[in-house]
Amino acid sequence: MTRPLLVAALLLSGATGEWGAPCRATKDCAKGFSCEPHEGQRLCTKSCRQGHAKADCPGGWVCQPWPYDAREGTCLPRREGR
């Protein structure tokens, strides 16, 4: 699913402030979520631990490691073709 379609599907499902919802700041996201940059946009997501990606991130998302700590990361939508 392309990024615009993913966002549209999440918004239509009533998931405002949750996985993949567009945001400007963390205050726009539901409790436990943070607002993070992804491919020129900002979206609501959660942090994750490498090696636990399947438990931490929803289907179609991956745990992208932080540059300063490869064990920790942010759940981001899987890029098409990967």
Protein backbone atom coordinates (compact mmCIF):
# COMPACT_ATOMS: atom_id res chain seq x y z
CA MET A 1 0.00 0.00 0.00
CA THR A 2 1.41 3.39 -0.90
CA ARG A 3 1.99 5.97 1.85
CA PRO A 4 -0.97 8.22 0.86
CA LEU A 5 -3.28 5.21 0.75
CA LEU A 6 -2.00 4.00 4.13
CA VAL A 7 -2.66 7.39 5.72
CA ALA A 8 -6.11 7.58 4.12
CA ALA A 9 -6.99 4.08 5.34
CA LEU A 10 -5.89 4.87 8.89
CA LEU A 11 -7.77 8.15 8.97
CA LEU A 12 -10.92 6.52 7.61
CA SER A 13 -10.66 3.80 10.26
CA GLY A 14 -10.90 6.45 12.99
CA ALA A 15 -7.29 5.93 14.09
CA THR A 16 -6.62 9.65 14.50
CA GLY A 17 -3.46 10.12 16.55
CA GLU A 18 -2.49 6.46 16.30
CA TRP A 19 -0.32 4.43 13.86
CA GLY A 20 0.49 6.51 10.78
CA ALA A 21 -1.79 9.44 11.50
CA PRO A 22 -0.35 12.72 10.20
CA CYS A 23 0.90 15.06 12.94
CA ARG A 24 2.82 18.28 13.53
CA ALA A 25 3.97 17.50 17.09
CA THR A 26 3.72 14.65 19.61
CA LYS A 27 0.74 16.40 21.26
CA ASP A 28 -1.23 15.56 18.07
CA CYS A 29 -0.73 11.84 18.73
CA ALA A 30 -2.54 9.48 21.10
CA LYS A 31 -1.01 8.66 24.49
CA GLY A 32 2.12 6.52 24.07
CA PHE A 33 2.73 7.68 20.49
CA SER A 34 5.24 10.26 19.23
CA CYS A 35 5.35 12.39 16.09
CA GLU A 36 8.31 11.41 13.89
CA PRO A 37 9.53 12.39 10.40
CA HIS A 38 9.18 9.87 7.57
CA GLU A 39 9.71 10.48 3.83
CA GLY A 40 9.04 14.22 4.00
CA GLN A 41 6.00 13.90 6.26
CA ARG A 42 5.43 13.51 9.99
CA LEU A 43 3.41 10.65 11.45
CA CYS A 44 2.35 9.19 14.78
CA THR A 45 4.33 6.11 15.75
CA LYS A 46 6.00 4.34 18.70
CA SER A 47 9.53 3.36 19.59
CA CYS A 48 10.62 -0.27 19.24
CA ARG A 49 13.47 -2.62 20.11
CA GLN A 50 15.50 -4.31 17.40
CA GLY A 51 14.91 -8.05 17.43
CA HIS A 52 11.39 -7.52 18.74
CA ALA A 53 10.02 -5.73 15.68
CA LYS A 54 7.18 -8.18 15.12
CA ALA A 55 5.89 -7.64 18.64
CA ASP A 56 6.57 -3.89 18.74
CA CYS A 57 5.45 -2.73 15.27
CA PRO A 58 2.14 -3.44 13.51
CA GLY A 59 1.94 -5.44 10.27
CA GLY A 60 3.48 -3.62 7.33
CA TRP A 61 5.77 -1.58 9.60
CA VAL A 62 9.45 -2.16 10.48
CA CYS A 63 11.67 -1.15 13.39
CA GLN A 64 14.06 1.44 11.91
CA PRO A 65 17.12 1.70 14.21
CA TRP A 66 18.20 5.03 15.63
CA PRO A 67 21.65 6.19 14.45
CA TYR A 68 22.95 6.47 18.02
CA ASP A 69 21.56 3.15 19.36
CA ALA A 70 21.11 0.24 16.95
CA ARG A 71 19.15 -1.71 19.59
CA GLU A 72 16.37 0.88 19.76
CA GLY A 73 14.38 2.44 16.93
CA THR A 74 11.12 3.83 15.61
CA CYS A 75 8.32 1.86 13.93
CA LEU A 76 7.93 3.15 10.37
CA PRO A 77 5.87 1.95 7.40
CA ARG A 78 7.71 -0.63 5.30
CA ARG A 79 8.84 0.88 2.00
CA GLU A 80 7.33 -0.60 -1.14
CA GLY A 81 9.51 -3.32 -2.64
CA ARG A 82 11.33 -4.06 0.64
